[in-house]
């Protein structure tokens, strides 16, 4: 498990109402990651918590910086952490 890690990301910009959460969920599941994505109450941000293999997390991060069609990513805040194994799958939280 040496290459396992955790990642917390906050994405700011036009990221709500453009299917950003579904975009993230689909990519994360395809990469075999676990965690969640949710809209923040501010209305201009999405929060992602993900765990898995570091190369897969790096690939997710690349896609988060782009977003789905219709999104406009203004700022990305990234915080790396250790792997905890607390998630069973990757889902959308409301």
N, C-alpha and C. Protein backbone atom coordinates (compact mmCIF):
# COMPACT_ATOMS: atom_id res chain seq x y z
N UNK A 1 0.81 -1.20 0.00
CA UNK A 1 0.00 0.00 0.00
C UNK A 1 0.85 1.26 0.00
N UNK A 2 2.09 1.15 -0.36
CA UNK A 2 2.98 2.31 -0.34
C UNK A 2 2.53 3.40 -1.28
N UNK A 3 1.83 3.05 -2.36
CA UNK A 3 1.41 4.07 -3.31
C UNK A 3 -0.04 4.49 -3.11
N UNK A 4 -0.60 4.18 -1.95
CA UNK A 4 -1.97 4.58 -1.64
C UNK A 4 -1.94 5.94 -0.95
N UNK A 5 -2.95 6.78 -1.28
CA UNK A 5 -3.00 8.12 -0.72
C UNK A 5 -4.43 8.62 -0.63
N UNK A 6 -4.59 9.74 0.02
CA UNK A 6 -5.87 10.43 0.10
C UNK A 6 -5.73 11.82 -0.51
N UNK A 7 -6.83 12.32 -1.01
CA UNK A 7 -6.82 13.61 -1.69
C UNK A 7 -8.11 14.36 -1.35
N UNK A 8 -7.97 15.60 -0.93
CA UNK A 8 -9.11 16.50 -0.72
C UNK A 8 -8.94 17.66 -1.68
N UNK A 9 -9.99 17.93 -2.46
CA UNK A 9 -9.92 18.99 -3.45
C UNK A 9 -11.17 19.85 -3.36
N UNK A 10 -10.98 21.16 -3.43
CA UNK A 10 -12.09 22.10 -3.58
C UNK A 10 -11.91 22.78 -4.92
N UNK A 11 -12.95 22.74 -5.74
CA UNK A 11 -12.93 23.33 -7.07
C UNK A 11 -13.87 24.53 -7.06
N UNK A 12 -13.38 25.68 -7.49
CA UNK A 12 -14.17 26.90 -7.53
C UNK A 12 -14.36 27.37 -8.97
N UNK A 13 -15.49 28.00 -9.22
CA UNK A 13 -15.81 28.52 -10.55
C UNK A 13 -17.25 28.19 -10.88
N UNK A 14 -17.52 28.00 -12.17
CA UNK A 14 -18.86 27.56 -12.57
C UNK A 14 -18.84 26.03 -12.57
N UNK A 15 -19.11 25.47 -11.40
CA UNK A 15 -18.99 24.02 -11.21
C UNK A 15 -20.27 23.39 -10.65
N UNK A 16 -21.29 24.21 -10.44
CA UNK A 16 -22.58 23.67 -10.01
C UNK A 16 -23.58 23.90 -11.13
N UNK A 17 -24.45 22.92 -11.35
CA UNK A 17 -25.44 23.02 -12.40
C UNK A 17 -24.90 22.67 -13.78
N UNK A 18 -23.70 22.07 -13.82
CA UNK A 18 -23.09 21.68 -15.10
C UNK A 18 -22.68 20.20 -15.09
N UNK A 19 -23.32 19.42 -14.22
CA UNK A 19 -23.06 17.97 -14.10
C UNK A 19 -21.65 17.64 -13.63
N UNK A 20 -21.05 18.55 -12.88
CA UNK A 20 -19.68 18.34 -12.39
C UNK A 20 -19.61 17.13 -11.46
N UNK A 21 -20.59 16.99 -10.56
CA UNK A 21 -20.56 15.87 -9.62
C UNK A 21 -20.62 14.53 -10.34
N UNK A 22 -21.46 14.42 -11.36
CA UNK A 22 -21.58 13.17 -12.11
C UNK A 22 -20.30 12.90 -12.91
N UNK A 23 -19.72 13.95 -13.45
CA UNK A 23 -18.45 13.88 -14.17
C UNK A 23 -17.38 13.29 -13.25
N UNK A 24 -17.27 13.84 -12.04
CA UNK A 24 -16.27 13.37 -11.07
C UNK A 24 -16.55 11.93 -10.66
N UNK A 25 -17.80 11.64 -10.35
CA UNK A 25 -18.14 10.28 -9.91
C UNK A 25 -17.77 9.25 -10.98
N UNK A 26 -18.10 9.52 -12.22
CA UNK A 26 -17.82 8.56 -13.29
C UNK A 26 -16.33 8.35 -13.49
N UNK A 27 -15.56 9.42 -13.48
CA UNK A 27 -14.11 9.29 -13.65
C UNK A 27 -13.51 8.55 -12.46
N UNK A 28 -13.90 8.92 -11.25
CA UNK A 28 -13.34 8.28 -10.05
C UNK A 28 -13.65 6.79 -10.03
N UNK A 29 -14.87 6.42 -10.37
CA UNK A 29 -15.21 4.99 -10.40
C UNK A 29 -14.41 4.25 -11.46
N UNK A 30 -14.25 4.86 -12.63
CA UNK A 30 -13.47 4.23 -13.69
C UNK A 30 -12.01 4.05 -13.29
N UNK A 31 -11.50 4.93 -12.43
CA UNK A 31 -10.12 4.85 -11.96
C UNK A 31 -9.98 3.94 -10.74
N UNK A 32 -11.09 3.42 -10.22
CA UNK A 32 -11.05 2.54 -9.06
C UNK A 32 -10.84 3.27 -7.75
N UNK A 33 -11.22 4.55 -7.70
CA UNK A 33 -11.06 5.34 -6.50
C UNK A 33 -12.30 5.26 -5.62
N UNK A 34 -12.13 5.61 -4.36
CA UNK A 34 -13.24 5.62 -3.41
C UNK A 34 -13.30 6.98 -2.73
N UNK A 35 -14.51 7.40 -2.37
CA UNK A 35 -14.69 8.68 -1.71
C UNK A 35 -16.01 9.30 -2.09
N UNK A 36 -16.05 10.63 -2.23
CA UNK A 36 -17.30 11.31 -2.58
C UNK A 36 -17.03 12.67 -3.20
N UNK A 37 -18.08 13.19 -3.82
CA UNK A 37 -18.09 14.55 -4.35
C UNK A 37 -19.40 15.19 -3.89
N UNK A 38 -19.35 16.48 -3.58
CA UNK A 38 -20.57 17.19 -3.19
C UNK A 38 -20.45 18.67 -3.52
N UNK A 39 -21.59 19.29 -3.74
CA UNK A 39 -21.65 20.74 -3.91
C UNK A 39 -21.49 21.39 -2.54
N UNK A 40 -20.84 22.54 -2.50
CA UNK A 40 -20.75 23.30 -1.26
C UNK A 40 -21.85 24.35 -1.26
N UNK A 41 -22.29 24.71 -0.08
CA UNK A 41 -23.42 25.63 0.08
C UNK A 41 -23.16 27.01 -0.53
N UNK A 42 -21.91 27.37 -0.72
CA UNK A 42 -21.58 28.68 -1.29
C UNK A 42 -22.13 28.85 -2.70
N UNK A 43 -22.38 27.73 -3.40
CA UNK A 43 -22.92 27.78 -4.75
C UNK A 43 -21.88 27.92 -5.84
N UNK A 44 -20.61 28.11 -5.46
CA UNK A 44 -19.57 28.28 -6.48
C UNK A 44 -18.42 27.29 -6.31
N UNK A 45 -18.68 26.19 -5.57
CA UNK A 45 -17.60 25.25 -5.31
C UNK A 45 -18.12 23.82 -5.18
N UNK A 46 -17.22 22.89 -5.47
CA UNK A 46 -17.47 21.46 -5.32
C UNK A 46 -16.32 20.90 -4.49
N UNK A 47 -16.65 19.98 -3.57
CA UNK A 47 -15.64 19.34 -2.73
C UNK A 47 -15.51 17.88 -3.13
N UNK A 48 -14.27 17.42 -3.24
CA UNK A 48 -14.01 16.02 -3.57
C UNK A 48 -13.08 15.45 -2.52
N UNK A 49 -13.42 14.29 -2.00
CA UNK A 49 -12.55 13.51 -1.13
C UNK A 49 -12.37 12.18 -1.84
N UNK A 50 -11.13 11.79 -2.10
CA UNK A 50 -10.88 10.55 -2.82
C UNK A 50 -9.68 9.83 -2.23
N UNK A 51 -9.73 8.51 -2.31
CA UNK A 51 -8.61 7.68 -1.86
C UNK A 51 -8.36 6.59 -2.88
N UNK A 52 -7.11 6.18 -2.95
CA UNK A 52 -6.75 5.10 -3.86
C UNK A 52 -5.28 5.18 -4.21
N UNK A 53 -4.92 4.57 -5.32
CA UNK A 53 -3.54 4.57 -5.76
C UNK A 53 -3.15 5.97 -6.25
N UNK A 54 -1.97 6.42 -5.86
CA UNK A 54 -1.54 7.79 -6.18
C UNK A 54 -1.57 8.09 -7.67
N UNK A 55 -1.12 7.19 -8.55
CA UNK A 55 -1.20 7.52 -9.98
C UNK A 55 -2.63 7.75 -10.46
N UNK A 56 -3.58 7.02 -9.89
CA UNK A 56 -4.98 7.19 -10.26
C UNK A 56 -5.52 8.52 -9.73
N UNK A 57 -5.10 8.89 -8.54
CA UNK A 57 -5.50 10.18 -7.98
C UNK A 57 -4.93 11.33 -8.81
N UNK A 58 -3.71 11.16 -9.29
CA UNK A 58 -3.11 12.18 -10.17
C UNK A 58 -3.93 12.32 -11.45
N UNK A 59 -4.39 11.21 -11.99
CA UNK A 59 -5.20 11.25 -13.22
C UNK A 59 -6.54 11.95 -12.96
N UNK A 60 -7.15 11.66 -11.79
CA UNK A 60 -8.39 12.34 -11.42
C UNK A 60 -8.15 13.84 -11.33
N UNK A 61 -7.08 14.23 -10.68
CA UNK A 61 -6.76 15.64 -10.50
C UNK A 61 -6.60 16.37 -11.83
N UNK A 62 -5.99 15.72 -12.80
CA UNK A 62 -5.85 16.31 -14.14
C UNK A 62 -7.23 16.63 -14.73
N UNK A 63 -8.17 15.71 -14.57
CA UNK A 63 -9.51 15.90 -15.12
C UNK A 63 -10.30 16.95 -14.34
N UNK A 64 -10.07 17.03 -13.03
CA UNK A 64 -10.78 18.01 -12.21
C UNK A 64 -10.41 19.43 -12.63
N UNK A 65 -9.19 19.62 -13.06
CA UNK A 65 -8.74 20.95 -13.47
C UNK A 65 -9.39 21.40 -14.77
N UNK A 66 -9.94 20.45 -15.52
CA UNK A 66 -10.60 20.74 -16.80
C UNK A 66 -12.11 20.82 -16.61
N UNK A 67 -12.68 19.80 -15.99
CA UNK A 67 -14.12 19.74 -15.75
C UNK A 67 -14.88 19.29 -16.99
N UNK A 68 -16.18 19.12 -16.83
CA UNK A 68 -17.04 18.71 -17.95
C UNK A 68 -17.35 19.90 -18.86
N UNK A 69 -17.91 19.63 -20.04
CA UNK A 69 -18.34 20.74 -20.91
C UNK A 69 -19.34 21.62 -20.15
N UNK A 70 -19.20 22.91 -20.27
CA UNK A 70 -20.09 23.84 -19.57
C UNK A 70 -19.52 24.35 -18.26
N UNK A 71 -18.52 23.65 -17.72
CA UNK A 71 -17.90 24.10 -16.47
C UNK A 71 -16.78 25.08 -16.77
N UNK A 72 -16.49 25.91 -15.78
CA UNK A 72 -15.36 26.82 -15.86
C UNK A 72 -14.65 26.75 -14.52
N UNK A 73 -13.48 26.13 -14.51
CA UNK A 73 -12.71 25.97 -13.28
C UNK A 73 -11.82 27.19 -13.08
N UNK A 74 -12.10 27.90 -11.99
CA UNK A 74 -11.36 29.13 -11.69
C UNK A 74 -10.19 28.86 -10.75
N UNK A 75 -10.42 28.04 -9.73
CA UNK A 75 -9.38 27.79 -8.72
C UNK A 75 -9.52 26.36 -8.21
N UNK A 76 -8.37 25.73 -7.95
CA UNK A 76 -8.33 24.36 -7.42
C UNK A 76 -7.46 24.37 -6.17
N UNK A 77 -8.04 23.94 -5.05
CA UNK A 77 -7.28 23.82 -3.80
C UNK A 77 -7.09 22.34 -3.52
N UNK A 78 -5.84 21.93 -3.31
CA UNK A 78 -5.49 20.52 -3.19
C UNK A 78 -4.83 20.26 -1.84
N UNK A 79 -5.22 19.18 -1.19
CA UNK A 79 -4.60 18.77 0.07
C UNK A 79 -4.41 17.25 0.04
N UNK A 80 -3.16 16.82 0.00
CA UNK A 80 -2.83 15.39 0.02
C UNK A 80 -2.80 14.90 1.45
N UNK A 81 -3.18 13.64 1.65
CA UNK A 81 -3.15 13.04 2.98
C UNK A 81 -2.86 11.55 2.85
N UNK A 82 -2.79 10.89 3.97
CA UNK A 82 -2.57 9.46 3.98
C UNK A 82 -3.85 8.70 3.65
N UNK A 83 -3.69 7.47 3.25
CA UNK A 83 -4.82 6.59 2.95
C UNK A 83 -5.45 6.11 4.25
N UNK A 84 -6.78 6.21 4.36
CA UNK A 84 -7.46 5.77 5.58
C UNK A 84 -8.33 4.54 5.37
N UNK A 85 -8.77 4.29 4.15
CA UNK A 85 -9.64 3.15 3.87
C UNK A 85 -11.06 3.33 4.38
N UNK A 86 -11.48 4.58 4.62
CA UNK A 86 -12.79 4.83 5.22
C UNK A 86 -13.96 4.76 4.24
N UNK A 87 -13.69 4.71 2.95
CA UNK A 87 -14.77 4.71 1.96
C UNK A 87 -14.93 3.35 1.31
N UNK A 88 -16.20 2.98 1.03
CA UNK A 88 -16.50 1.70 0.39
C UNK A 88 -16.62 1.83 -1.13
N UNK A 89 -16.98 3.02 -1.60
CA UNK A 89 -17.16 3.26 -3.03
C UNK A 89 -16.98 4.74 -3.30
N UNK A 90 -17.31 5.19 -4.51
CA UNK A 90 -17.26 6.61 -4.80
C UNK A 90 -18.67 7.05 -5.13
N UNK A 91 -19.18 8.03 -4.38
CA UNK A 91 -20.55 8.46 -4.60
C UNK A 91 -20.72 9.96 -4.54
N UNK A 92 -21.95 10.38 -4.80
CA UNK A 92 -22.33 11.78 -4.73
C UNK A 92 -23.04 12.00 -3.40
N UNK A 93 -22.62 13.01 -2.67
CA UNK A 93 -23.30 13.36 -1.43
C UNK A 93 -24.13 14.62 -1.67
N UNK A 94 -25.26 14.68 -0.99
CA UNK A 94 -26.16 15.82 -1.14
C UNK A 94 -26.29 16.58 0.16
